Protein backbone atom coordinates (compact mmCIF):
# COMPACT_ATOMS: atom_id res chain seq x y z
CA UNK A 1 0.00 0.00 0.00
CA UNK A 2 1.33 3.44 -0.97
CA UNK A 3 0.83 6.23 1.52
CA UNK A 4 -0.02 9.58 -0.02
CA UNK A 5 1.67 12.55 1.60
CA UNK A 6 0.48 16.12 1.22
CA UNK A 7 3.53 18.33 1.61
CA UNK A 8 3.20 20.54 -1.47
CA UNK A 9 0.39 22.19 -3.44
CA UNK A 10 1.16 19.80 -6.30
CA UNK A 11 0.30 16.86 -4.03
CA UNK A 12 -3.17 18.31 -3.56
CA UNK A 13 -3.56 19.02 -7.27
CA UNK A 14 -2.55 15.46 -8.14
CA UNK A 15 -5.10 14.11 -5.66
CA UNK A 16 -7.73 16.50 -7.03
CA UNK A 17 -7.14 15.22 -10.56
CA UNK A 18 -7.45 11.67 -9.33
CA UNK A 19 -10.75 12.46 -7.58
CA UNK A 20 -12.09 14.28 -10.65
CA UNK A 21 -11.23 11.36 -12.93
CA UNK A 22 -12.96 8.95 -10.56
CA UNK A 23 -16.19 10.96 -10.58
CA UNK A 24 -15.77 12.84 -7.31
CA UNK A 25 -15.93 16.51 -8.38
CA UNK A 26 -16.80 17.90 -4.93
CA UNK A 27 -13.78 16.26 -3.32
CA UNK A 28 -11.64 17.36 -6.26
CA UNK A 29 -12.75 20.96 -5.69
CA UNK A 30 -11.93 20.79 -1.97
CA UNK A 31 -8.46 19.45 -2.70
CA UNK A 32 -7.94 22.14 -5.32
CA UNK A 33 -8.92 24.81 -2.82
CA UNK A 34 -6.33 23.48 -0.38
CA UNK A 35 -3.72 23.56 -3.13
CA UNK A 36 -4.67 27.14 -3.97
CA UNK A 37 -4.44 28.13 -0.31
CA UNK A 38 -0.88 26.81 -0.17
CA UNK A 39 0.16 28.54 -3.39
CA UNK A 40 1.70 32.00 -2.93
CA UNK A 41 1.29 33.13 -6.56
CA UNK A 42 -2.17 34.55 -7.31
CA UNK A 43 -2.03 33.59 -11.01
CA UNK A 44 -1.21 30.00 -10.10
CA UNK A 45 -4.06 29.98 -7.57
CA UNK A 46 -6.46 31.09 -10.28
CA UNK A 47 -5.21 28.38 -12.67
CA UNK A 48 -5.67 25.67 -10.05
CA UNK A 49 -9.22 26.73 -9.23
CA UNK A 50 -10.10 27.12 -12.92
CA UNK A 51 -9.12 23.51 -13.53
CA UNK A 52 -11.69 22.41 -10.93
CA UNK A 53 -14.69 24.71 -11.40
CA UNK A 54 -17.65 24.81 -9.09
CA UNK A 55 -18.77 26.33 -5.88
CA UNK A 56 -16.89 25.96 -2.66
CA UNK A 57 -18.15 23.38 -0.18
CA UNK A 58 -16.19 24.89 2.68
CA UNK A 59 -18.09 26.33 5.56
CA UNK A 60 -17.95 30.09 5.66
CA UNK A 61 -17.20 30.49 1.93
């Protein structure tokens, strides 16, 4: 069994892509939002969120 670690924004984006391809768009969006939160560049944040469109499922958003 491979253990997935989440140390970098790219780890979250990879997991988001995996969730999107397996038919879990809400989970993909949440992972993408975490990746965006960890990304210091605003243009990169926008690209990440654009790849996983939809509304936020976070409380308070």
